[in-house]
Amino acid sequence: MKIPVIFIVDKNTIHSNLLRYQLMVNKFSNVQVFSSVEDCLYRLRREEGPVYLVADSVLGDFTGVEFLRMAKKISPQVHVIFFSSTEDADHASELIEGGATDFILKGTRIEHSMTELIRNLQFIINEKVRISGE
């Protein structure tokens, strides 16, 4: 099995670095943090193998929908999980309908939200391996 690559793109560097740390503690060894959509997408173009993107749904000059569309155009098999404090159910539905793998709300207790995100990511990766036989 190839080691999954996880890209985190979030304007909140405290959240993204804390999430990176929590993922590494949970045995994800290839986690990269990006502060801009452009840097993340540039790196996605050069990445081979399974890539999982964890992104806020508000990314500066880009909406989550725009980011999702660009990421899927570059790599159609990429899994995009939105990890956001935006509590708009219509927005979350739009992202899921647009091809996002999941939408997890950053709650007031960020550690619980991160635990949920990591559990969901582990499940998604394990299912992909089970289905593809990698």
C-alpha atoms as a PDB file:
ATOM      1  CA  MET A   1       0.000   0.000   0.000  1.00  0.00           C
ATOM      2  CA  LYS A   2       1.275   3.448  -0.899  1.00  0.00           C
ATOM      3  CA  ILE A   3       1.559   5.907   1.938  1.00  0.00           C
ATOM      4  CA  PRO A   4      -1.338   8.345   1.676  1.00  0.00           C
ATOM      5  CA  VAL A   5      -0.392  11.974   1.212  1.00  0.00           C
ATOM      6  CA  ILE A   6      -2.458  14.480   3.149  1.00  0.00           C
ATOM      7  CA  PHE A   7      -2.481  18.151   2.229  1.00  0.00           C
ATOM      8  CA  ILE A   8      -3.942  20.656   4.643  1.00  0.00           C
ATOM      9  CA  VAL A   9      -4.889  24.096   3.371  1.00  0.00           C
ATOM     10  CA  ASP A  10      -6.292  26.553   5.889  1.00  0.00           C
ATOM     11  CA  LYS A  11      -5.839  30.252   6.484  1.00  0.00           C
ATOM     12  CA  ASN A  12      -5.693  29.574  10.235  1.00  0.00           C
ATOM     13  CA  THR A  13      -2.097  28.382  10.707  1.00  0.00           C
ATOM     14  CA  ILE A  14      -2.708  27.411  14.328  1.00  0.00           C
ATOM     15  CA  HIS A  15      -5.479  25.005  13.315  1.00  0.00           C
ATOM     16  CA  SER A  16      -3.561  23.606  10.351  1.00  0.00           C
ATOM     17  CA  ASN A  17      -0.381  22.976  12.345  1.00  0.00           C
ATOM     18  CA  LEU A  18      -2.323  21.458  15.235  1.00  0.00           C
ATOM     19  CA  LEU A  19      -4.137  19.186  12.797  1.00  0.00           C
ATOM     20  CA  ARG A  20      -0.841  18.229  11.167  1.00  0.00           C
ATOM     21  CA  TYR A  21       0.542  17.290  14.575  1.00  0.00           C
ATOM     22  CA  GLN A  22      -2.543  15.218  15.439  1.00  0.00           C
ATOM     23  CA  LEU A  23      -2.391  13.401  12.103  1.00  0.00           C
ATOM     24  CA  MET A  24       1.294  12.588  12.609  1.00  0.00           C
ATOM     25  CA  VAL A  25       0.555  11.282  16.124  1.00  0.00           C
ATOM     26  CA  ASN A  26      -2.057   9.025  14.497  1.00  0.00           C
ATOM     27  CA  LYS A  27       0.542   7.478  12.187  1.00  0.00           C
ATOM     28  CA  PHE A  28      -0.015   9.607   9.074  1.00  0.00           C
ATOM     29  CA  SER A  29       3.571  10.210   8.059  1.00  0.00           C
ATOM     30  CA  ASN A  30       3.192  12.338   4.933  1.00  0.00           C
ATOM     31  CA  VAL A  31       1.266  15.455   5.939  1.00  0.00           C
ATOM     32  CA  GLN A  32       1.939  18.797   4.292  1.00  0.00           C
ATOM     33  CA  VAL A  33       0.499  22.182   5.260  1.00  0.00           C
ATOM     34  CA  PHE A  34      -0.198  24.979   2.782  1.00  0.00           C
ATOM     35  CA  SER A  35      -1.228  28.516   3.571  1.00  0.00           C
ATOM     36  CA  SER A  36      -2.475  29.238   0.065  1.00  0.00           C
ATOM     37  CA  VAL A  37      -4.705  27.512  -2.449  1.00  0.00           C
ATOM     38  CA  GLU A  38      -2.212  28.212  -5.230  1.00  0.00           C
ATOM     39  CA  ASP A  39       0.647  26.447  -3.413  1.00  0.00           C
ATOM     40  CA  CYS A  40      -1.555  23.473  -2.602  1.00  0.00           C
ATOM     41  CA  LEU A  41      -2.800  23.074  -6.180  1.00  0.00           C
ATOM     42  CA  TYR A  42       0.711  23.509  -7.590  1.00  0.00           C
ATOM     43  CA  ARG A  43       1.929  20.670  -5.365  1.00  0.00           C
ATOM     44  CA  LEU A  44      -1.128  18.537  -6.207  1.00  0.00           C
ATOM     45  CA  ARG A  45      -0.151  18.701  -9.893  1.00  0.00           C
ATOM     46  CA  ARG A  46       3.189  17.083  -9.056  1.00  0.00           C
ATOM     47  CA  GLU A  47       1.988  14.451  -6.613  1.00  0.00           C
ATOM     48  CA  GLU A  48       1.609  10.827  -7.564  1.00  0.00           C
ATOM     49  CA  GLY A  49      -0.394   8.396  -5.537  1.00  0.00           C
ATOM     50  CA  PRO A  50      -3.357   8.791  -3.249  1.00  0.00           C
ATOM     51  CA  VAL A  51      -3.863  12.358  -2.082  1.00  0.00           C
ATOM     52  CA  TYR A  52      -6.334  13.535   0.516  1.00  0.00           C
ATOM     53  CA  LEU A  53      -7.018  17.241   0.913  1.00  0.00           C
ATOM     54  CA  VAL A  54      -8.268  18.748   4.155  1.00  0.00           C
ATOM     55  CA  ALA A  55      -9.397  22.307   3.592  1.00  0.00           C
ATOM     56  CA  ASP A  56     -11.349  25.093   5.185  1.00  0.00           C
ATOM     57  CA  SER A  57     -14.387  26.065   3.120  1.00  0.00           C
ATOM     58  CA  VAL A  58     -13.332  29.722   3.156  1.00  0.00           C
ATOM     59  CA  LEU A  59      -9.898  30.114   1.603  1.00  0.00           C
ATOM     60  CA  GLY A  60      -9.141  33.781   1.099  1.00  0.00           C
ATOM     61  CA  ASP A  61      -9.788  34.642  -2.537  1.00  0.00           C
ATOM     62  CA  PHE A  62     -11.370  31.247  -3.258  1.00  0.00           C
ATOM     63  CA  THR A  63     -14.584  29.652  -2.133  1.00  0.00           C
ATOM     64  CA  GLY A  64     -14.668  26.016  -1.133  1.00  0.00           C
ATOM     65  CA  VAL A  65     -16.614  25.225  -4.303  1.00  0.00           C
ATOM     66  CA  GLU A  66     -13.969  26.861  -6.501  1.00  0.00           C
ATOM     67  CA  PHE A  67     -11.168  25.038  -4.676  1.00  0.00           C
ATOM     68  CA  LEU A  68     -12.995  21.715  -4.968  1.00  0.00           C
ATOM     69  CA  ARG A  69     -13.587  22.220  -8.688  1.00  0.00           C
ATOM     70  CA  MET A  70      -9.915  23.084  -9.328  1.00  0.00           C
ATOM     71  CA  ALA A  71      -8.612  20.179  -7.233  1.00  0.00           C
ATOM     72  CA  LYS A  72     -10.909  17.665  -8.983  1.00  0.00           C
ATOM     73  CA  LYS A  73      -9.868  19.015 -12.391  1.00  0.00           C
ATOM     74  CA  ILE A  74      -6.187  18.448 -11.534  1.00  0.00           C
ATOM     75  CA  SER A  75      -6.728  15.076  -9.876  1.00  0.00           C
ATOM     76  CA  PRO A  76     -10.224  13.572 -10.337  1.00  0.00           C
ATOM     77  CA  GLN A  77      -9.596  10.826  -7.781  1.00  0.00           C
ATOM     78  CA  VAL A  78      -8.531  13.222  -4.998  1.00  0.00           C
ATOM     79  CA  HIS A  79     -10.566  13.088  -1.798  1.00  0.00           C
ATOM     80  CA  VAL A  80     -11.444  16.527  -0.432  1.00  0.00           C
ATOM     81  CA  ILE A  81     -12.607  16.823   3.158  1.00  0.00           C
ATOM     82  CA  PHE A  82     -13.764  20.229   4.291  1.00  0.00           C
ATOM     83  CA  PHE A  83     -12.970  21.107   7.906  1.00  0.00           C
ATOM     84  CA  SER A  84     -14.655  24.401   8.546  1.00  0.00           C
ATOM     85  CA  SER A  85     -16.236  26.609  11.170  1.00  0.00           C
ATOM     86  CA  THR A  86     -18.863  27.764   8.654  1.00  0.00           C
ATOM     87  CA  GLU A  87     -22.197  26.526  10.015  1.00  0.00           C
ATOM     88  CA  ASP A  88     -24.142  26.862   6.779  1.00  0.00           C
ATOM     89  CA  ALA A  89     -25.937  23.604   5.953  1.00  0.00           C
ATOM     90  CA  ASP A  90     -26.674  24.751   2.382  1.00  0.00           C
ATOM     91  CA  HIS A  91     -22.979  25.471   1.818  1.00  0.00           C
ATOM     92  CA  ALA A  92     -21.989  22.067   3.214  1.00  0.00           C
ATOM     93  CA  SER A  93     -24.574  20.363   0.988  1.00  0.00           C
ATOM     94  CA  GLU A  94     -23.294  22.250  -2.047  1.00  0.00           C
ATOM     95  CA  LEU A  95     -19.756  21.034  -1.348  1.00  0.00           C
ATOM     96  CA  ILE A  96     -20.845  17.399  -0.887  1.00  0.00           C
ATOM     97  CA  GLU A  97     -22.975  17.544  -4.046  1.00  0.00           C
ATOM     98  CA  GLY A  98     -19.957  19.044  -5.852  1.00  0.00           C
ATOM     99  CA  GLY A  99     -17.832  16.010  -5.038  1.00  0.00           C
ATOM    100  CA  ALA A 100     -16.399  16.621  -1.572  1.00  0.00           C
ATOM    101  CA  THR A 101     -15.849  13.444   0.390  1.00  0.00           C
ATOM    102  CA  ASP A 102     -16.921  14.915   3.718  1.00  0.00           C
ATOM    103  CA  PHE A 103     -17.686  18.135   5.586  1.00  0.00           C
ATOM    104  CA  ILE A 104     -16.777  18.323   9.265  1.00  0.00           C
ATOM    105  CA  LEU A 105     -17.691  21.288  11.391  1.00  0.00           C
ATOM    106  CA  LYS A 106     -14.964  22.752  13.603  1.00  0.00           C
ATOM    107  CA  GLY A 107     -16.811  22.900  16.873  1.00  0.00           C
ATOM    108  CA  THR A 108     -16.045  25.013  19.897  1.00  0.00           C
ATOM    109  CA  ARG A 109     -13.940  22.128  21.198  1.00  0.00           C
ATOM    110  CA  ILE A 110     -11.494  21.770  18.304  1.00  0.00           C
ATOM    111  CA  GLU A 111      -9.912  18.608  19.723  1.00  0.00           C
ATOM    112  CA  HIS A 112     -13.225  16.732  19.356  1.00  0.00           C
ATOM    113  CA  SER A 113     -13.641  17.955  15.790  1.00  0.00           C
ATOM    114  CA  MET A 114     -10.078  16.873  14.944  1.00  0.00           C
ATOM    115  CA  THR A 115     -10.714  13.428  16.427  1.00  0.00           C
ATOM    116  CA  GLU A 116     -13.800  13.086  14.227  1.00  0.00           C
ATOM    117  CA  LEU A 117     -11.844  14.258  11.174  1.00  0.00           C
ATOM    118  CA  ILE A 118      -9.043  11.756  11.811  1.00  0.00           C
ATOM    119  CA  ARG A 119     -11.511   8.894  12.326  1.00  0.00           C
ATOM    120  CA  ASN A 120     -13.303   9.752   9.088  1.00  0.00           C
ATOM    121  CA  LEU A 121     -10.006  10.050   7.201  1.00  0.00           C
ATOM    122  CA  GLN A 122      -8.856   6.663   8.497  1.00  0.00           C
ATOM    123  CA  PHE A 123     -12.172   5.138   7.410  1.00  0.00           C
ATOM    124  CA  ILE A 124     -11.969   6.686   3.918  1.00  0.00           C
ATOM    125  CA  ILE A 125      -8.404   5.464   3.414  1.00  0.00           C
ATOM    126  CA  ASN A 126      -9.197   1.960   4.698  1.00  0.00           C
ATOM    127  CA  GLU A 127     -12.250   1.710   2.436  1.00  0.00           C
ATOM    128  CA  LYS A 128     -10.229   2.806  -0.580  1.00  0.00           C
ATOM    129  CA  VAL A 129      -7.627   0.145   0.203  1.00  0.00           C
ATOM    130  CA  ARG A 130     -10.312  -2.513   0.762  1.00  0.00           C
ATOM    131  CA  ILE A 131     -12.107  -1.688  -2.479  1.00  0.00           C
ATOM    132  CA  SER A 132      -9.029  -1.328  -4.672  1.00  0.00           C
ATOM    133  CA  GLY A 133      -7.071  -4.151  -3.029  1.00  0.00           C
ATOM    134  CA  GLU A 134      -3.955  -1.951  -2.688  1.00  0.00           C
END
